[in-house]
Amino acid sequence: MSNHIVWHQTIISKGDRQSIKGHKSCVLWFTGLSGSGKSTLANAVELKLFELKKHSYILDGDNIRYGLNKGLTFSKEDRFENIRRIGEVAKLFVDSGQIVVTAFISPFREEREKVRNLFEDGEFIEVFVDCPLDECEKRDPKGLYQKARSGEIREFTGIDSPYEEPLNPEITIQTKDCTIDRATEIIINYLKEKQII
């Protein structure tokens, strides 16, 4: 980073922004294999937050690659950069007083830990969307596993690139056996227990 860049302090603080919204801000970081149900659950949680009149925004893996991270590949280095950028964007949203809901495979523990370290204690909530690989392959909503198995896609998480499960996530949802409604309820209850909402 250039020595000529200095962080500009704003007059209005994160606490000020939270106070007019009536709730605290945080990031719900959904991580799990492709097809585990991250995006479906993220949307259900955001809908519930909307119904509760809480300010939130979803950052979804595919959507981000349409714009902000358009030029990145799926190499390990670019995956790290993809998540680094998302972490920085999520931090800005949290600073704005919003609840950020993310849905990214984010397969490596190291990258998730680096994002966690961007936030104050309690602001980064890792949600492990746990689903067995065989179940994710059965679902395969985008046909990606089939392409990976045929060699059409390389470095695909769960097939020829590893997924490192979280060691101590704040929340674990096993989507093979848990309904979307129940999973949403678990997450909303967690936010209430932590007095975020």
N, C-alpha and C. Protein backbone atom coordinates (compact mmCIF):
# COMPACT_ATOMS: atom_id res chain seq x y z
N MET A 1 0.85 -1.18 0.00
CA MET A 1 0.00 0.00 0.00
C MET A 1 0.89 1.24 0.00
N SER A 2 0.49 2.25 -0.69
CA SER A 2 1.24 3.50 -0.77
C SER A 2 1.28 4.20 0.59
N ASN A 3 2.44 4.81 0.90
CA ASN A 3 2.58 5.57 2.15
C ASN A 3 1.79 6.88 2.10
N HIS A 4 1.26 7.20 0.92
CA HIS A 4 0.54 8.46 0.76
C HIS A 4 -0.97 8.31 0.98
N ILE A 5 -1.42 7.09 1.30
CA ILE A 5 -2.84 6.85 1.53
C ILE A 5 -3.12 6.85 3.02
N VAL A 6 -4.07 7.66 3.44
CA VAL A 6 -4.43 7.77 4.86
C VAL A 6 -5.94 7.54 4.99
N TRP A 7 -6.33 6.69 5.94
CA TRP A 7 -7.76 6.41 6.17
C TRP A 7 -8.47 7.68 6.61
N HIS A 8 -9.55 8.01 5.93
CA HIS A 8 -10.30 9.24 6.23
C HIS A 8 -11.39 8.93 7.26
N GLN A 9 -11.29 9.55 8.41
CA GLN A 9 -12.29 9.34 9.46
C GLN A 9 -13.56 10.12 9.13
N THR A 10 -14.70 9.45 9.23
CA THR A 10 -15.98 10.13 8.96
C THR A 10 -16.54 10.71 10.26
N ILE A 11 -17.40 11.68 10.12
CA ILE A 11 -18.00 12.33 11.29
C ILE A 11 -19.00 11.39 11.97
N ILE A 12 -19.76 10.67 11.14
CA ILE A 12 -20.79 9.77 11.67
C ILE A 12 -20.17 8.40 11.89
N SER A 13 -20.35 7.84 13.06
CA SER A 13 -19.74 6.55 13.42
C SER A 13 -20.65 5.37 13.08
N LYS A 14 -20.08 4.19 13.16
CA LYS A 14 -20.87 2.97 12.99
C LYS A 14 -21.99 2.91 14.02
N GLY A 15 -21.66 3.27 15.26
CA GLY A 15 -22.68 3.28 16.32
C GLY A 15 -23.81 4.24 16.02
N ASP A 16 -23.48 5.39 15.43
CA ASP A 16 -24.51 6.35 15.03
C ASP A 16 -25.44 5.73 13.99
N ARG A 17 -24.84 5.07 13.02
CA ARG A 17 -25.63 4.47 11.94
C ARG A 17 -26.51 3.34 12.47
N GLN A 18 -25.95 2.55 13.40
CA GLN A 18 -26.73 1.47 14.00
C GLN A 18 -27.91 2.03 14.79
N SER A 19 -27.68 3.16 15.47
CA SER A 19 -28.74 3.70 16.34
C SER A 19 -29.97 4.15 15.55
N ILE A 20 -29.76 4.69 14.34
CA ILE A 20 -30.95 5.11 13.58
C ILE A 20 -31.63 3.92 12.91
N LYS A 21 -30.90 2.81 12.78
CA LYS A 21 -31.51 1.60 12.20
C LYS A 21 -32.20 0.76 13.27
N GLY A 22 -31.81 0.95 14.52
CA GLY A 22 -32.47 0.23 15.60
C GLY A 22 -31.95 -1.18 15.83
N HIS A 23 -30.78 -1.49 15.30
CA HIS A 23 -30.16 -2.79 15.55
C HIS A 23 -28.66 -2.68 15.29
N LYS A 24 -27.93 -3.68 15.77
CA LYS A 24 -26.49 -3.71 15.52
C LYS A 24 -26.24 -4.25 14.12
N SER A 25 -24.99 -4.14 13.67
CA SER A 25 -24.62 -4.68 12.36
C SER A 25 -23.64 -5.82 12.52
N CYS A 26 -23.63 -6.70 11.54
CA CYS A 26 -22.74 -7.87 11.57
C CYS A 26 -22.71 -8.47 10.18
N VAL A 27 -21.87 -9.49 10.02
CA VAL A 27 -21.89 -10.27 8.78
C VAL A 27 -22.21 -11.72 9.13
N LEU A 28 -23.21 -12.26 8.46
CA LEU A 28 -23.52 -13.70 8.53
C LEU A 28 -22.78 -14.33 7.35
N TRP A 29 -21.70 -15.06 7.64
CA TRP A 29 -20.84 -15.61 6.58
C TRP A 29 -21.20 -17.07 6.35
N PHE A 30 -22.04 -17.32 5.33
CA PHE A 30 -22.46 -18.68 5.00
C PHE A 30 -21.36 -19.35 4.19
N THR A 31 -20.87 -20.47 4.66
CA THR A 31 -19.84 -21.23 3.95
C THR A 31 -20.27 -22.69 3.84
N GLY A 32 -19.93 -23.32 2.72
CA GLY A 32 -20.29 -24.72 2.50
C GLY A 32 -20.11 -25.08 1.05
N LEU A 33 -20.23 -26.34 0.75
CA LEU A 33 -20.06 -26.83 -0.62
C LEU A 33 -21.11 -26.24 -1.57
N SER A 34 -20.79 -26.24 -2.84
CA SER A 34 -21.77 -25.88 -3.86
C SER A 34 -22.95 -26.84 -3.76
N GLY A 35 -24.16 -26.31 -3.74
CA GLY A 35 -25.35 -27.15 -3.63
C GLY A 35 -25.77 -27.44 -2.20
N SER A 36 -25.04 -26.90 -1.23
CA SER A 36 -25.38 -27.17 0.18
C SER A 36 -26.61 -26.40 0.63
N GLY A 37 -26.94 -25.32 -0.08
CA GLY A 37 -28.12 -24.54 0.26
C GLY A 37 -27.80 -23.14 0.79
N LYS A 38 -26.57 -22.69 0.60
CA LYS A 38 -26.15 -21.38 1.13
C LYS A 38 -27.03 -20.24 0.61
N SER A 39 -27.17 -20.15 -0.71
CA SER A 39 -27.91 -19.03 -1.29
C SER A 39 -29.40 -19.10 -0.93
N THR A 40 -29.95 -20.29 -0.94
CA THR A 40 -31.36 -20.47 -0.57
C THR A 40 -31.60 -20.01 0.86
N LEU A 41 -30.73 -20.43 1.76
CA LEU A 41 -30.86 -20.07 3.17
C LEU A 41 -30.59 -18.57 3.38
N ALA A 42 -29.58 -18.04 2.68
CA ALA A 42 -29.27 -16.61 2.80
C ALA A 42 -30.48 -15.77 2.40
N ASN A 43 -31.14 -16.16 1.32
CA ASN A 43 -32.33 -15.42 0.87
C ASN A 43 -33.48 -15.53 1.87
N ALA A 44 -33.65 -16.70 2.46
CA ALA A 44 -34.71 -16.89 3.45
C ALA A 44 -34.44 -16.04 4.70
N VAL A 45 -33.17 -15.98 5.10
CA VAL A 45 -32.81 -15.18 6.27
C VAL A 45 -33.02 -13.69 5.96
N GLU A 46 -32.60 -13.25 4.77
CA GLU A 46 -32.79 -11.84 4.45
C GLU A 46 -34.28 -11.48 4.38
N LEU A 47 -35.09 -12.38 3.84
CA LEU A 47 -36.54 -12.12 3.79
C LEU A 47 -37.10 -11.95 5.20
N LYS A 48 -36.65 -12.81 6.12
CA LYS A 48 -37.13 -12.71 7.50
C LYS A 48 -36.67 -11.40 8.14
N LEU A 49 -35.41 -11.01 7.89
CA LEU A 49 -34.90 -9.74 8.41
C LEU A 49 -35.71 -8.56 7.85
N PHE A 50 -36.05 -8.65 6.57
CA PHE A 50 -36.86 -7.61 5.93
C PHE A 50 -38.23 -7.51 6.60
N GLU A 51 -38.85 -8.67 6.86
CA GLU A 51 -40.15 -8.70 7.52
C GLU A 51 -40.07 -8.09 8.92
N LEU A 52 -38.91 -8.26 9.56
CA LEU A 52 -38.69 -7.71 10.90
C LEU A 52 -38.24 -6.25 10.85
N LYS A 53 -38.19 -5.69 9.62
CA LYS A 53 -37.78 -4.30 9.39
C LYS A 53 -36.34 -4.04 9.82
N LYS A 54 -35.46 -5.02 9.56
CA LYS A 54 -34.04 -4.87 9.82
C LYS A 54 -33.31 -4.61 8.50
N HIS A 55 -32.31 -3.77 8.54
CA HIS A 55 -31.58 -3.38 7.32
C HIS A 55 -30.51 -4.43 7.00
N SER A 56 -30.63 -5.05 5.82
CA SER A 56 -29.68 -6.10 5.45
C SER A 56 -29.42 -6.07 3.95
N TYR A 57 -28.38 -6.80 3.55
CA TYR A 57 -28.06 -6.92 2.13
C TYR A 57 -27.31 -8.23 1.90
N ILE A 58 -27.66 -8.91 0.80
CA ILE A 58 -26.99 -10.18 0.46
C ILE A 58 -25.84 -9.92 -0.51
N LEU A 59 -24.69 -10.51 -0.20
CA LEU A 59 -23.57 -10.60 -1.14
C LEU A 59 -23.48 -12.07 -1.53
N ASP A 60 -23.81 -12.36 -2.78
CA ASP A 60 -23.83 -13.75 -3.25
C ASP A 60 -22.66 -14.00 -4.20
N GLY A 61 -22.05 -15.18 -4.07
CA GLY A 61 -20.86 -15.52 -4.84
C GLY A 61 -20.97 -15.30 -6.33
N ASP A 62 -22.01 -15.83 -6.94
CA ASP A 62 -22.17 -15.69 -8.39
C ASP A 62 -22.40 -14.23 -8.77
N ASN A 63 -23.23 -13.53 -8.00
CA ASN A 63 -23.54 -12.14 -8.32
C ASN A 63 -22.30 -11.25 -8.26
N ILE A 64 -21.45 -11.49 -7.28
CA ILE A 64 -20.23 -10.68 -7.12
C ILE A 64 -19.28 -10.91 -8.30
N ARG A 65 -19.27 -12.13 -8.84
CA ARG A 65 -18.38 -12.43 -9.97
C ARG A 65 -18.89 -11.82 -11.28
N TYR A 66 -20.11 -11.32 -11.28
CA TYR A 66 -20.61 -10.61 -12.46
C TYR A 66 -19.99 -9.22 -12.58
N GLY A 67 -19.58 -8.65 -11.44
CA GLY A 67 -19.10 -7.28 -11.46
C GLY A 67 -17.76 -7.10 -10.77
N LEU A 68 -17.81 -6.92 -9.46
CA LEU A 68 -16.62 -6.61 -8.68
C LEU A 68 -15.46 -7.56 -8.94
N ASN A 69 -15.75 -8.85 -9.01
CA ASN A 69 -14.69 -9.85 -9.18
C ASN A 69 -14.74 -10.54 -10.55
N LYS A 70 -15.22 -9.81 -11.52
CA LYS A 70 -15.41 -10.32 -12.88
C LYS A 70 -14.13 -10.94 -13.47
N GLY A 71 -12.98 -10.32 -13.23
CA GLY A 71 -11.75 -10.78 -13.87
C GLY A 71 -11.02 -11.90 -13.16
N LEU A 72 -11.56 -12.38 -12.05
CA LEU A 72 -10.87 -13.42 -11.29
C LEU A 72 -11.22 -14.82 -11.79
N THR A 73 -10.24 -15.70 -11.76
CA THR A 73 -10.45 -17.10 -12.16
C THR A 73 -10.80 -17.91 -10.90
N PHE A 74 -10.76 -19.23 -11.03
CA PHE A 74 -11.02 -20.09 -9.88
C PHE A 74 -9.74 -20.76 -9.38
N SER A 75 -8.58 -20.17 -9.73
CA SER A 75 -7.31 -20.66 -9.17
C SER A 75 -7.32 -20.38 -7.68
N LYS A 76 -6.45 -21.06 -6.94
CA LYS A 76 -6.39 -20.87 -5.49
C LYS A 76 -6.09 -19.40 -5.15
N GLU A 77 -5.16 -18.80 -5.89
CA GLU A 77 -4.78 -17.40 -5.63
C GLU A 77 -5.96 -16.46 -5.86
N ASP A 78 -6.67 -16.68 -6.97
CA ASP A 78 -7.82 -15.81 -7.27
C ASP A 78 -8.98 -16.06 -6.32
N ARG A 79 -9.11 -17.28 -5.83
CA ARG A 79 -10.16 -17.55 -4.84
C ARG A 79 -9.88 -16.78 -3.55
N PHE A 80 -8.61 -16.75 -3.16
CA PHE A 80 -8.24 -15.97 -1.98
C PHE A 80 -8.55 -14.49 -2.20
N GLU A 81 -8.21 -13.99 -3.39
CA GLU A 81 -8.46 -12.58 -3.70
C GLU A 81 -9.96 -12.30 -3.74
N ASN A 82 -10.73 -13.22 -4.29
CA ASN A 82 -12.19 -13.10 -4.33
C ASN A 82 -12.73 -12.89 -2.91
N ILE A 83 -12.31 -13.75 -2.00
CA ILE A 83 -12.81 -13.68 -0.62
C ILE A 83 -12.25 -12.45 0.10
N ARG A 84 -11.01 -12.09 -0.17
CA ARG A 84 -10.44 -10.89 0.45
C ARG A 84 -11.27 -9.65 0.10
N ARG A 85 -11.60 -9.52 -1.19
CA ARG A 85 -12.40 -8.37 -1.64
C ARG A 85 -13.78 -8.38 -1.00
N ILE A 86 -14.39 -9.56 -0.93
CA ILE A 86 -15.72 -9.66 -0.33
C ILE A 86 -15.67 -9.27 1.14
N GLY A 87 -14.62 -9.71 1.82
CA GLY A 87 -14.45 -9.35 3.23
C GLY A 87 -14.39 -7.84 3.41
N GLU A 88 -13.65 -7.17 2.53
CA GLU A 88 -13.53 -5.71 2.62
C GLU A 88 -14.86 -5.02 2.32
N VAL A 89 -15.60 -5.54 1.34
CA VAL A 89 -16.92 -4.97 1.03
C VAL A 89 -17.88 -5.20 2.20
N ALA A 90 -17.86 -6.41 2.76
CA ALA A 90 -18.73 -6.73 3.89
C ALA A 90 -18.41 -5.81 5.07
N LYS A 91 -17.14 -5.52 5.28
CA LYS A 91 -16.73 -4.63 6.38
C LYS A 91 -17.35 -3.24 6.19
N LEU A 92 -17.37 -2.75 4.95
CA LEU A 92 -17.97 -1.44 4.67
C LEU A 92 -19.48 -1.46 4.96
N PHE A 93 -20.14 -2.55 4.58
CA PHE A 93 -21.58 -2.67 4.85
C PHE A 93 -21.85 -2.70 6.36
N VAL A 94 -21.01 -3.43 7.10
CA VAL A 94 -21.17 -3.50 8.55
C VAL A 94 -20.95 -2.11 9.15
N ASP A 95 -19.96 -1.39 8.63
CA ASP A 95 -19.70 -0.03 9.10
C ASP A 95 -20.89 0.88 8.82
N SER A 96 -21.64 0.57 7.76
CA SER A 96 -22.81 1.39 7.41
C SER A 96 -24.01 1.06 8.31
N GLY A 97 -23.86 0.03 9.17
CA GLY A 97 -24.92 -0.30 10.12
C GLY A 97 -25.85 -1.40 9.66
N GLN A 98 -25.48 -2.10 8.59
CA GLN A 98 -26.35 -3.14 8.06
C GLN A 98 -25.92 -4.54 8.49
N ILE A 99 -26.86 -5.47 8.37
CA ILE A 99 -26.57 -6.89 8.55
C ILE A 99 -26.26 -7.43 7.15
N VAL A 100 -25.05 -7.92 6.98
CA VAL A 100 -24.62 -8.45 5.69
C VAL A 100 -24.81 -9.95 5.71
N VAL A 101 -25.44 -10.48 4.68
CA VAL A 101 -25.65 -11.92 4.55
C VAL A 101 -24.84 -12.36 3.34
N THR A 102 -23.84 -13.20 3.54
CA THR A 102 -23.00 -13.63 2.41
C THR A 102 -23.22 -15.10 2.12
N ALA A 103 -23.02 -15.47 0.87
CA ALA A 103 -23.13 -16.88 0.46
C ALA A 103 -21.97 -17.19 -0.48
N PHE A 104 -20.89 -17.72 0.10
CA PHE A 104 -19.68 -18.06 -0.66
C PHE A 104 -19.17 -19.41 -0.20
N ILE A 105 -18.72 -20.23 -1.14
CA ILE A 105 -18.11 -21.51 -0.74
C ILE A 105 -16.98 -21.23 0.23
N SER A 106 -16.14 -20.24 -0.08
CA SER A 106 -14.97 -19.86 0.74
C SER A 106 -14.35 -21.09 1.39
N PRO A 107 -13.70 -21.95 0.56
CA PRO A 107 -13.31 -23.28 1.00
C PRO A 107 -12.16 -23.38 1.99
N PHE A 108 -11.37 -22.31 2.13
CA PHE A 108 -10.16 -22.43 2.94
C PHE A 108 -10.30 -21.72 4.29
N ARG A 109 -9.92 -22.41 5.36
CA ARG A 109 -10.01 -21.83 6.70
C ARG A 109 -9.20 -20.54 6.81
N GLU A 110 -8.03 -20.54 6.21
CA GLU A 110 -7.15 -19.38 6.32
C GLU A 110 -7.82 -18.12 5.77
N GLU A 111 -8.49 -18.25 4.63
CA GLU A 111 -9.14 -17.07 4.04
C GLU A 111 -10.30 -16.60 4.90
N ARG A 112 -11.05 -17.54 5.46
CA ARG A 112 -12.18 -17.15 6.32
C ARG A 112 -11.66 -16.48 7.60
N GLU A 113 -10.56 -16.97 8.12
CA GLU A 113 -9.99 -16.38 9.33
C GLU A 113 -9.49 -14.96 9.08
N LYS A 114 -8.91 -14.75 7.91
CA LYS A 114 -8.45 -13.40 7.56
C LYS A 114 -9.62 -12.43 7.48
N VAL A 115 -10.74 -12.90 6.94
CA VAL A 115 -11.94 -12.05 6.89
C VAL A 115 -12.44 -11.79 8.30
N ARG A 116 -12.50 -12.82 9.13
CA ARG A 116 -12.96 -12.66 10.52
C ARG A 116 -12.15 -11.56 11.22
N ASN A 117 -10.85 -11.53 10.95
CA ASN A 117 -9.97 -10.58 11.63
C ASN A 117 -10.21 -9.12 11.20
N LEU A 118 -11.01 -8.91 10.16
CA LEU A 118 -11.36 -7.55 9.73
C LEU A 118 -12.40 -6.91 10.65
N PHE A 119 -13.08 -7.77 11.43
CA PHE A 119 -14.25 -7.32 12.19
C PHE A 119 -13.99 -7.29 13.70
N GLU A 120 -14.80 -6.50 14.38
CA GLU A 120 -14.76 -6.49 15.83
C GLU A 120 -15.37 -7.78 16.37
N ASP A 121 -15.07 -8.12 17.62
CA ASP A 121 -15.61 -9.33 18.23
C ASP A 121 -17.13 -9.35 18.13
N GLY A 122 -17.66 -10.48 17.70
CA GLY A 122 -19.10 -10.66 17.62
C GLY A 122 -19.73 -10.20 16.32
N GLU A 123 -18.95 -9.52 15.47
CA GLU A 123 -19.52 -9.01 14.22
C GLU A 123 -19.45 -10.03 13.08
N PHE A 124 -18.53 -10.99 13.18
CA PHE A 124 -18.38 -12.02 12.13
C PHE A 124 -19.01 -13.30 12.65
N ILE A 125 -20.09 -13.71 12.00
CA ILE A 125 -20.81 -14.92 12.42
C ILE A 125 -20.69 -15.95 11.31
N GLU A 126 -19.85 -16.95 11.56
CA GLU A 126 -19.63 -17.99 10.55
C GLU A 126 -20.76 -19.01 10.64
N VAL A 127 -21.45 -19.20 9.51
CA VAL A 127 -22.55 -20.16 9.45
C VAL A 127 -22.13 -21.28 8.51
N PHE A 128 -21.84 -22.44 9.09
CA PHE A 128 -21.43 -23.60 8.29
C PHE A 128 -22.68 -24.30 7.78
N VAL A 129 -22.89 -24.20 6.47
CA VAL A 129 -24.03 -24.87 5.84
C VAL A 129 -23.53 -26.27 5.46
N ASP A 130 -23.76 -27.20 6.37
CA ASP A 130 -23.18 -28.53 6.31
C ASP A 130 -24.09 -29.48 5.54
N CYS A 131 -23.56 -30.03 4.48
CA CYS A 131 -24.33 -30.98 3.66
C CYS A 131 -23.35 -31.97 3.05
N PRO A 132 -23.62 -33.27 3.15
CA PRO A 132 -22.69 -34.24 2.59
C PRO A 132 -22.49 -34.05 1.08
N LEU A 133 -21.28 -34.34 0.63
CA LEU A 133 -20.95 -34.18 -0.79
C LEU A 133 -21.91 -34.93 -1.69
N ASP A 134 -22.26 -36.17 -1.32
CA ASP A 134 -23.15 -36.96 -2.19
C ASP A 134 -24.53 -36.31 -2.32
N GLU A 135 -24.99 -35.66 -1.25
CA GLU A 135 -26.27 -34.97 -1.31
C GLU A 135 -26.17 -33.72 -2.18
N CYS A 136 -25.06 -33.00 -2.05
CA CYS A 136 -24.84 -31.81 -2.89
C CYS A 136 -24.79 -32.20 -4.37
N GLU A 137 -24.16 -33.35 -4.64
CA GLU A 137 -24.08 -33.82 -6.03
C GLU A 137 -25.45 -34.22 -6.56
N LYS A 138 -26.29 -34.79 -5.69
CA LYS A 138 -27.65 -35.16 -6.12
C LYS A 138 -28.44 -33.91 -6.48
N ARG A 139 -28.28 -32.88 -5.68
CA ARG A 139 -29.00 -31.63 -5.93
C ARG A 139 -28.46 -30.96 -7.19
N ASP A 140 -27.15 -30.72 -7.21
CA ASP A 140 -26.41 -30.12 -8.33
C ASP A 140 -27.25 -29.15 -9.16
N PRO A 141 -27.77 -28.06 -8.53
CA PRO A 141 -28.72 -27.19 -9.23
C PRO A 141 -28.17 -26.52 -10.49
N LYS A 142 -26.85 -26.36 -10.55
CA LYS A 142 -26.25 -25.69 -11.71
C LYS A 142 -25.52 -26.67 -12.64
N GLY A 143 -25.57 -27.95 -12.31
CA GLY A 143 -24.88 -28.95 -13.15
C GLY A 143 -23.37 -28.89 -13.05
N LEU A 144 -22.85 -28.27 -11.99
CA LEU A 144 -21.41 -28.06 -11.87
C LEU A 144 -20.65 -29.33 -11.48
N TYR A 145 -21.24 -30.14 -10.62
CA TYR A 145 -20.56 -31.38 -10.22
C TYR A 145 -20.39 -32.31 -11.42
N GLN A 146 -21.42 -32.39 -12.23
CA GLN A 146 -21.35 -33.22 -13.43
C GLN A 146 -20.22 -32.75 -14.35
N LYS A 147 -20.11 -31.43 -14.51
CA LYS A 147 -19.04 -30.87 -15.35
C LYS A 147 -17.67 -31.13 -14.73
N ALA A 148 -17.60 -31.04 -13.39
CA ALA A 148 -16.33 -31.29 -12.70
C ALA A 148 -15.92 -32.75 -12.84
N ARG A 149 -16.88 -33.65 -12.70
CA ARG A 149 -16.59 -35.09 -12.81
C ARG A 149 -16.13 -35.46 -14.22
N SER A 150 -16.65 -34.73 -15.21
CA SER A 150 -16.28 -35.04 -16.60
C SER A 150 -14.98 -34.33 -17.01
N GLY A 151 -14.44 -33.51 -16.12
CA GLY A 151 -13.19 -32.80 -16.42
C GLY A 151 -13.38 -31.47 -17.11
N GLU A 152 -14.64 -31.08 -17.31
CA GLU A 152 -14.93 -29.82 -17.98
C GLU A 152 -14.58 -28.62 -17.09
N ILE A 153 -14.74 -28.80 -15.77
CA ILE A 153 -14.36 -27.77 -14.80
C ILE A 153 -13.24 -28.34 -13.95
N ARG A 154 -12.17 -27.58 -13.83
CA ARG A 154 -11.02 -27.99 -13.01
C ARG A 154 -11.03 -27.22 -11.69
N GLU A 155 -10.32 -27.77 -10.69
CA GLU A 155 -10.19 -27.11 -9.38
C GLU A 155 -11.55 -26.84 -8.74
N PHE A 156 -12.46 -27.81 -8.88
CA PHE A 156 -13.80 -27.63 -8.33
C PHE A 156 -13.84 -28.13 -6.89
N THR A 157 -14.32 -27.30 -6.00
CA THR A 157 -14.33 -27.62 -4.57
C THR A 157 -15.15 -28.88 -4.30
N GLY A 158 -14.52 -29.80 -3.57
CA GLY A 158 -15.16 -31.06 -3.21
C GLY A 158 -14.81 -32.19 -4.16
N ILE A 159 -14.34 -31.83 -5.37
CA ILE A 159 -13.96 -32.86 -6.35
C ILE A 159 -12.44 -32.92 -6.49
N ASP A 160 -11.83 -31.89 -7.05
CA ASP A 160 -10.37 -31.91 -7.17
C ASP A 160 -9.72 -30.71 -6.46
N SER A 161 -10.49 -30.05 -5.62
CA SER A 161 -9.97 -28.99 -4.76
C SER A 161 -10.65 -29.16 -3.40
N PRO A 162 -9.91 -29.00 -2.31
CA PRO A 162 -10.48 -29.32 -0.99
C PRO A 162 -11.45 -28.29 -0.46
N TYR A 163 -12.33 -28.76 0.43
CA TYR A 163 -13.14 -27.86 1.25
C TYR A 163 -12.75 -28.12 2.70
N GLU A 164 -12.31 -27.08 3.38
CA GLU A 164 -11.90 -27.20 4.77
C GLU A 164 -13.04 -26.73 5.67
N GLU A 165 -13.66 -27.68 6.33
CA GLU A 165 -14.81 -27.36 7.18
C GLU A 165 -14.39 -26.44 8.32
N PRO A 166 -15.27 -25.52 8.71
CA PRO A 166 -14.97 -24.66 9.87
C PRO A 166 -14.74 -25.51 11.12
N LEU A 167 -13.81 -25.07 11.96
CA LEU A 167 -13.51 -25.80 13.19
C LEU A 167 -14.43 -25.36 14.33
N ASN A 168 -14.73 -24.08 14.39
CA ASN A 168 -15.58 -23.56 15.47
C ASN A 168 -16.56 -22.51 14.94
N PRO A 169 -17.46 -22.91 14.04
CA PRO A 169 -18.42 -21.93 13.52
C PRO A 169 -19.39 -21.51 14.62
N GLU A 170 -19.89 -20.28 14.51
CA GLU A 170 -20.89 -19.82 15.47
C GLU A 170 -22.18 -20.62 15.31
N ILE A 171 -22.52 -20.98 14.07
CA ILE A 171 -23.76 -21.72 13.79
C ILE A 171 -23.46 -22.81 12.77
N THR A 172 -24.00 -24.00 12.98
CA THR A 172 -23.94 -25.08 11.98
C THR A 172 -25.37 -25.47 11.63
N ILE A 173 -25.65 -25.49 10.33
CA ILE A 173 -26.97 -25.92 9.84
C ILE A 173 -26.75 -27.12 8.94
N GLN A 174 -27.37 -28.24 9.29
CA GLN A 174 -27.26 -29.44 8.47
C GLN A 174 -28.47 -29.48 7.54
N THR A 175 -28.26 -29.03 6.31
CA THR A 175 -29.39 -28.81 5.41
C THR A 175 -29.99 -30.09 4.85
N LYS A 176 -29.33 -31.22 5.02
CA LYS A 176 -29.93 -32.47 4.55
C LYS A 176 -31.16 -32.82 5.40
N ASP A 177 -31.09 -32.46 6.69
CA ASP A 177 -32.14 -32.86 7.63
C ASP A 177 -32.92 -31.70 8.23
N CYS A 178 -32.56 -30.47 7.87
CA CYS A 178 -33.18 -29.30 8.48
C CYS A 178 -33.96 -28.52 7.42
N THR A 179 -35.19 -28.17 7.71
CA THR A 179 -35.98 -27.38 6.75
C THR A 179 -35.44 -25.95 6.68
N ILE A 180 -35.74 -25.28 5.60
CA ILE A 180 -35.33 -23.87 5.45
C ILE A 180 -35.96 -23.02 6.55
N ASP A 181 -37.22 -23.26 6.86
CA ASP A 181 -37.90 -22.48 7.91
C ASP A 181 -37.22 -22.67 9.26
N ARG A 182 -36.88 -23.90 9.59
CA ARG A 182 -36.22 -24.18 10.88
C ARG A 182 -34.82 -23.57 10.90
N ALA A 183 -34.08 -23.70 9.80
CA ALA A 183 -32.73 -23.14 9.72
C ALA A 183 -32.77 -21.62 9.87
N THR A 184 -33.74 -20.99 9.22
CA THR A 184 -33.90 -19.53 9.33
C THR A 184 -34.20 -19.13 10.77
N GLU A 185 -35.06 -19.89 11.41
CA GLU A 185 -35.42 -19.63 12.80
C GLU A 185 -34.19 -19.72 13.72
N ILE A 186 -33.34 -20.72 13.49
CA ILE A 186 -32.12 -20.89 14.30
C ILE A 186 -31.23 -19.66 14.18
N ILE A 187 -31.06 -19.16 12.96
CA ILE A 187 -30.19 -18.01 12.72
C ILE A 187 -30.78 -16.73 13.31
N ILE A 188 -32.07 -16.51 13.10
CA ILE A 188 -32.73 -15.33 13.65
C ILE A 188 -32.69 -15.35 15.19
N ASN A 189 -32.89 -16.52 15.78
CA ASN A 189 -32.83 -16.65 17.24
C ASN A 189 -31.43 -16.34 17.75
N TYR A 190 -30.41 -16.75 17.00
CA TYR A 190 -29.03 -16.46 17.38
C TYR A 190 -28.81 -14.93 17.40
N LEU A 191 -29.30 -14.25 16.38
CA LEU A 191 -29.15 -12.79 16.31
C LEU A 191 -29.87 -12.10 17.48
N LYS A 192 -31.00 -12.67 17.86
CA LYS A 192 -31.74 -12.10 19.01
C LYS A 192 -30.99 -12.37 20.32
N GLU A 193 -30.49 -13.59 20.48
CA GLU A 193 -29.76 -13.96 21.70
C GLU A 193 -28.52 -13.07 21.88
N LYS A 194 -27.86 -12.75 20.79
CA LYS A 194 -26.65 -11.91 20.84
C LYS A 194 -26.98 -10.42 20.86
N GLN A 195 -28.28 -10.13 20.89
CA GLN A 195 -28.79 -8.74 20.95
C GLN A 195 -28.29 -7.90 19.77
N ILE A 196 -28.21 -8.58 18.61
CA ILE A 196 -27.90 -7.86 17.38
C ILE A 196 -29.19 -7.25 16.82
N ILE A 197 -30.27 -8.03 16.93
CA ILE A 197 -31.58 -7.50 16.53
C ILE A 197 -32.53 -7.57 17.73
